[in-house]
Amino acid sequence: MIQIAIIEDNRLVRDGLTLKLNEQEGFEVIHSAAMGCIDALGKTAPRVLLLDAGLEGEDSRELAERVRDALPNTRVIVMDLLPVHEELVEFVTAGVAGFVLKDATLEESSPPSGRWPRDAPSSPPKWPRPCSPRSWERRFSGARVPWGTRRN
């Protein structure tokens, strides 16, 4: 079972994601909040954190960095409507594992194989990634590639 936390300030989006993810086999939302509290996340130790890129009243990039440092086994996936290139670079530098567009359909946000990962709980999901490491270098030169270099 892959345990997920959601930090999203829009209650409708947060509750909708929680419902849809809990319907999926192999997923369980164990924490859902409008603001990020490292203490609460530390108590639940999710494998994945879905993080709103534009939290009101909190810097999402700084929260991603705090999660990376405090919970090295938690993979942060940022959600946004229209990400700006510079913000993407900042999030990747902060160590996020991927991005999901908020206006994507469930099919569009599914892994390329069309199947959700069924990894053992000790194995983090290998999807989503913003792009391949080689493509990443072309698009975001100078930014550290977060996967493959992250502490485990």
C-alpha atoms as a PDB file:
ATOM      1  CA  MET A   1       0.000   0.000   0.000  1.00  0.00           C
ATOM      2  CA  ILE A   2       1.415   3.386  -0.997  1.00  0.00           C
ATOM      3  CA  GLN A   3       0.563   5.937   1.652  1.00  0.00           C
ATOM      4  CA  ILE A   4      -0.045   9.493   0.457  1.00  0.00           C
ATOM      5  CA  ALA A   5      -0.292  12.903   2.105  1.00  0.00           C
ATOM      6  CA  ILE A   6      -1.964  15.844   0.374  1.00  0.00           C
ATOM      7  CA  ILE A   7      -1.172  19.492   1.121  1.00  0.00           C
ATOM      8  CA  GLU A   8      -3.633  21.604  -0.869  1.00  0.00           C
ATOM      9  CA  ASP A   9      -5.335  24.816   0.278  1.00  0.00           C
ATOM     10  CA  ASN A  10      -8.389  24.319  -1.944  1.00  0.00           C
ATOM     11  CA  ARG A  11     -10.737  22.082   0.064  1.00  0.00           C
ATOM     12  CA  LEU A  12     -12.675  20.844  -2.992  1.00  0.00           C
ATOM     13  CA  VAL A  13      -9.462  19.760  -4.757  1.00  0.00           C
ATOM     14  CA  ARG A  14      -8.053  18.230  -1.569  1.00  0.00           C
ATOM     15  CA  ASP A  15     -11.216  16.271  -0.751  1.00  0.00           C
ATOM     16  CA  GLY A  16     -11.688  15.192  -4.385  1.00  0.00           C
ATOM     17  CA  LEU A  17      -8.124  13.900  -4.626  1.00  0.00           C
ATOM     18  CA  THR A  18      -8.532  12.062  -1.342  1.00  0.00           C
ATOM     19  CA  LEU A  19     -11.705  10.350  -2.536  1.00  0.00           C
ATOM     20  CA  LYS A  20     -10.296   9.387  -5.950  1.00  0.00           C
ATOM     21  CA  LEU A  21      -6.968   8.120  -4.601  1.00  0.00           C
ATOM     22  CA  ASN A  22      -8.631   6.079  -1.847  1.00  0.00           C
ATOM     23  CA  GLU A  23     -10.746   4.402  -4.562  1.00  0.00           C
ATOM     24  CA  GLN A  24      -7.580   3.212  -6.332  1.00  0.00           C
ATOM     25  CA  GLU A  25      -6.222  -0.173  -5.342  1.00  0.00           C
ATOM     26  CA  GLY A  26      -2.857   0.112  -3.607  1.00  0.00           C
ATOM     27  CA  PHE A  27      -3.236   3.744  -2.459  1.00  0.00           C
ATOM     28  CA  GLU A  28      -4.247   5.233   0.863  1.00  0.00           C
ATOM     29  CA  VAL A  29      -4.419   8.929   1.761  1.00  0.00           C
ATOM     30  CA  ILE A  30      -3.205   9.071   5.354  1.00  0.00           C
ATOM     31  CA  HIS A  31      -2.930  12.859   5.770  1.00  0.00           C
ATOM     32  CA  SER A  32      -4.751  15.749   4.155  1.00  0.00           C
ATOM     33  CA  ALA A  33      -4.385  19.416   5.119  1.00  0.00           C
ATOM     34  CA  ALA A  34      -4.481  22.986   3.843  1.00  0.00           C
ATOM     35  CA  MET A  35      -1.060  23.826   5.268  1.00  0.00           C
ATOM     36  CA  GLY A  36       2.113  21.811   5.582  1.00  0.00           C
ATOM     37  CA  CYS A  37       3.169  20.825   9.066  1.00  0.00           C
ATOM     38  CA  ILE A  38       6.385  18.827   9.185  1.00  0.00           C
ATOM     39  CA  ASP A  39       5.438  17.424  12.613  1.00  0.00           C
ATOM     40  CA  ALA A  40       2.180  15.972  11.293  1.00  0.00           C
ATOM     41  CA  LEU A  41       3.893  14.618   8.172  1.00  0.00           C
ATOM     42  CA  GLY A  42       6.650  13.131  10.310  1.00  0.00           C
ATOM     43  CA  LYS A  43       4.096  11.235  12.406  1.00  0.00           C
ATOM     44  CA  THR A  44       2.445   9.710   9.334  1.00  0.00           C
ATOM     45  CA  ALA A  45       5.638   9.280   7.225  1.00  0.00           C
ATOM     46  CA  PRO A  46       3.916   9.135   3.812  1.00  0.00           C
ATOM     47  CA  ARG A  47       5.688   7.592   0.813  1.00  0.00           C
ATOM     48  CA  VAL A  48       4.311  10.385  -1.412  1.00  0.00           C
ATOM     49  CA  LEU A  49       3.357  13.991  -0.717  1.00  0.00           C
ATOM     50  CA  LEU A  50       1.116  15.713  -3.263  1.00  0.00           C
ATOM     51  CA  LEU A  51       1.932  19.392  -2.754  1.00  0.00           C
ATOM     52  CA  ASP A  52       0.070  22.402  -4.141  1.00  0.00           C
ATOM     53  CA  ALA A  53       2.623  24.676  -5.837  1.00  0.00           C
ATOM     54  CA  GLY A  54       0.760  27.831  -4.841  1.00  0.00           C
ATOM     55  CA  LEU A  55      -0.175  27.465  -1.204  1.00  0.00           C
ATOM     56  CA  GLU A  56      -1.688  30.617   0.215  1.00  0.00           C
ATOM     57  CA  GLY A  57       0.241  31.782   3.261  1.00  0.00           C
ATOM     58  CA  GLU A  58       3.097  29.300   2.886  1.00  0.00           C
ATOM     59  CA  ASP A  59       6.030  28.899   0.498  1.00  0.00           C
ATOM     60  CA  SER A  60       5.542  25.537  -1.228  1.00  0.00           C
ATOM     61  CA  ARG A  61       9.159  25.361  -2.406  1.00  0.00           C
ATOM     62  CA  GLU A  62      10.446  25.864   1.131  1.00  0.00           C
ATOM     63  CA  LEU A  63       8.027  23.221   2.372  1.00  0.00           C
ATOM     64  CA  ALA A  64       9.342  20.812  -0.292  1.00  0.00           C
ATOM     65  CA  GLU A  65      12.890  21.454   0.969  1.00  0.00           C
ATOM     66  CA  ARG A  66      11.852  20.881   4.598  1.00  0.00           C
ATOM     67  CA  VAL A  67      10.160  17.610   3.639  1.00  0.00           C
ATOM     68  CA  ARG A  68      13.251  16.536   1.678  1.00  0.00           C
ATOM     69  CA  ASP A  69      15.459  17.180   4.718  1.00  0.00           C
ATOM     70  CA  ALA A  70      13.133  15.840   7.441  1.00  0.00           C
ATOM     71  CA  LEU A  71      11.588  12.911   5.521  1.00  0.00           C
ATOM     72  CA  PRO A  72      14.142  11.664   2.977  1.00  0.00           C
ATOM     73  CA  ASN A  73      11.988   8.643   2.014  1.00  0.00           C
ATOM     74  CA  THR A  74       8.972  10.800   1.107  1.00  0.00           C
ATOM     75  CA  ARG A  75       8.694  11.715  -2.561  1.00  0.00           C
ATOM     76  CA  VAL A  76       7.186  15.150  -3.213  1.00  0.00           C
ATOM     77  CA  ILE A  77       5.025  15.607  -6.305  1.00  0.00           C
ATOM     78  CA  VAL A  78       4.010  19.199  -7.028  1.00  0.00           C
ATOM     79  CA  MET A  79       0.589  20.050  -8.449  1.00  0.00           C
ATOM     80  CA  ASP A  80      -0.099  23.259 -10.400  1.00  0.00           C
ATOM     81  CA  LEU A  81      -2.354  24.647 -13.123  1.00  0.00           C
ATOM     82  CA  LEU A  82       0.146  26.561 -15.245  1.00  0.00           C
ATOM     83  CA  PRO A  83       3.676  26.127 -13.922  1.00  0.00           C
ATOM     84  CA  VAL A  84       6.195  28.820 -14.815  1.00  0.00           C
ATOM     85  CA  HIS A  85       9.582  27.585 -16.075  1.00  0.00           C
ATOM     86  CA  GLU A  86      11.538  29.365 -13.336  1.00  0.00           C
ATOM     87  CA  GLU A  87       9.292  27.910 -10.635  1.00  0.00           C
ATOM     88  CA  LEU A  88       9.745  24.405 -12.049  1.00  0.00           C
ATOM     89  CA  VAL A  89      13.516  24.820 -11.848  1.00  0.00           C
ATOM     90  CA  GLU A  90      13.213  26.025  -8.232  1.00  0.00           C
ATOM     91  CA  PHE A  91      11.070  23.039  -7.273  1.00  0.00           C
ATOM     92  CA  VAL A  92      13.427  20.578  -8.932  1.00  0.00           C
ATOM     93  CA  THR A  93      16.379  22.191  -7.179  1.00  0.00           C
ATOM     94  CA  ALA A  94      14.400  21.740  -3.952  1.00  0.00           C
ATOM     95  CA  GLY A  95      14.302  17.995  -4.692  1.00  0.00           C
ATOM     96  CA  VAL A  96      10.773  17.270  -5.881  1.00  0.00           C
ATOM     97  CA  ALA A  97      10.202  13.967  -7.659  1.00  0.00           C
ATOM     98  CA  GLY A  98       7.645  15.129 -10.222  1.00  0.00           C
ATOM     99  CA  PHE A  99       4.822  17.383 -11.363  1.00  0.00           C
ATOM    100  CA  VAL A 100       1.136  16.891 -12.065  1.00  0.00           C
ATOM    101  CA  LEU A 101      -0.998  19.449 -13.876  1.00  0.00           C
ATOM    102  CA  LYS A 102      -4.199  20.122 -11.937  1.00  0.00           C
ATOM    103  CA  ASP A 103      -6.304  20.230 -15.084  1.00  0.00           C
ATOM    104  CA  ALA A 104      -5.144  16.786 -16.261  1.00  0.00           C
ATOM    105  CA  THR A 105      -7.684  13.979 -16.453  1.00  0.00           C
ATOM    106  CA  LEU A 106      -7.173  10.819 -14.427  1.00  0.00           C
ATOM    107  CA  GLU A 107      -6.114   9.031 -17.626  1.00  0.00           C
ATOM    108  CA  GLU A 108      -3.611  11.773 -18.490  1.00  0.00           C
ATOM    109  CA  SER A 109      -2.130  11.698 -15.016  1.00  0.00           C
ATOM    110  CA  SER A 110      -1.745   7.906 -15.036  1.00  0.00           C
ATOM    111  CA  PRO A 111       1.655   6.309 -15.624  1.00  0.00           C
ATOM    112  CA  PRO A 112       2.681   5.739 -19.256  1.00  0.00           C
ATOM    113  CA  SER A 113       1.943   2.007 -18.929  1.00  0.00           C
ATOM    114  CA  GLY A 114      -1.638   2.836 -18.017  1.00  0.00           C
ATOM    115  CA  ARG A 115      -1.185   0.978 -14.727  1.00  0.00           C
ATOM    116  CA  TRP A 116      -0.476   2.453 -11.332  1.00  0.00           C
ATOM    117  CA  PRO A 117       2.671   1.105  -9.681  1.00  0.00           C
ATOM    118  CA  ARG A 118       2.155  -1.978  -7.523  1.00  0.00           C
ATOM    119  CA  ASP A 119       5.522  -1.775  -5.788  1.00  0.00           C
ATOM    120  CA  ALA A 120       6.035  -3.095  -2.304  1.00  0.00           C
ATOM    121  CA  PRO A 121       5.469  -0.473   0.407  1.00  0.00           C
ATOM    122  CA  SER A 122       9.232  -0.071   0.854  1.00  0.00           C
ATOM    123  CA  SER A 123       9.669   0.925  -2.774  1.00  0.00           C
ATOM    124  CA  PRO A 124       8.718   4.490  -3.806  1.00  0.00           C
ATOM    125  CA  PRO A 125       6.663   4.922  -6.963  1.00  0.00           C
ATOM    126  CA  LYS A 126       8.806   5.452 -10.027  1.00  0.00           C
ATOM    127  CA  TRP A 127       6.205   7.707 -11.627  1.00  0.00           C
ATOM    128  CA  PRO A 128       5.568  10.558 -12.298  1.00  0.00           C
ATOM    129  CA  ARG A 129       8.770  12.152 -13.448  1.00  0.00           C
ATOM    130  CA  PRO A 130       8.723  15.499 -15.213  1.00  0.00           C
ATOM    131  CA  CYS A 131      10.775  14.037 -18.071  1.00  0.00           C
ATOM    132  CA  SER A 132      13.771  11.809 -18.736  1.00  0.00           C
ATOM    133  CA  PRO A 133      17.126  12.850 -17.212  1.00  0.00           C
ATOM    134  CA  ARG A 134      18.517  13.606 -20.697  1.00  0.00           C
ATOM    135  CA  SER A 135      15.495  15.717 -21.641  1.00  0.00           C
ATOM    136  CA  TRP A 136      15.721  17.373 -18.242  1.00  0.00           C
ATOM    137  CA  GLU A 137      19.267  18.537 -18.951  1.00  0.00           C
ATOM    138  CA  ARG A 138      18.159  20.138 -22.222  1.00  0.00           C
ATOM    139  CA  ARG A 139      15.146  21.884 -20.678  1.00  0.00           C
ATOM    140  CA  PHE A 140      16.529  22.882 -17.310  1.00  0.00           C
ATOM    141  CA  SER A 141      20.279  23.199 -17.692  1.00  0.00           C
ATOM    142  CA  GLY A 142      21.915  23.946 -14.390  1.00  0.00           C
ATOM    143  CA  ALA A 143      19.191  22.374 -12.259  1.00  0.00           C
ATOM    144  CA  ARG A 144      20.008  19.233 -10.325  1.00  0.00           C
ATOM    145  CA  VAL A 145      18.135  16.145 -11.520  1.00  0.00           C
ATOM    146  CA  PRO A 146      16.249  14.985  -8.406  1.00  0.00           C
ATOM    147  CA  TRP A 147      15.927  11.296  -9.197  1.00  0.00           C
ATOM    148  CA  GLY A 148      18.912   9.006  -9.001  1.00  0.00           C
ATOM    149  CA  THR A 149      20.787  11.516  -6.854  1.00  0.00           C
ATOM    150  CA  ARG A 150      18.463  11.632  -3.887  1.00  0.00           C
ATOM    151  CA  ARG A 151      19.322  10.196  -0.497  1.00  0.00           C
ATOM    152  CA  ASN A 152      17.523   6.976   0.367  1.00  0.00           C
END
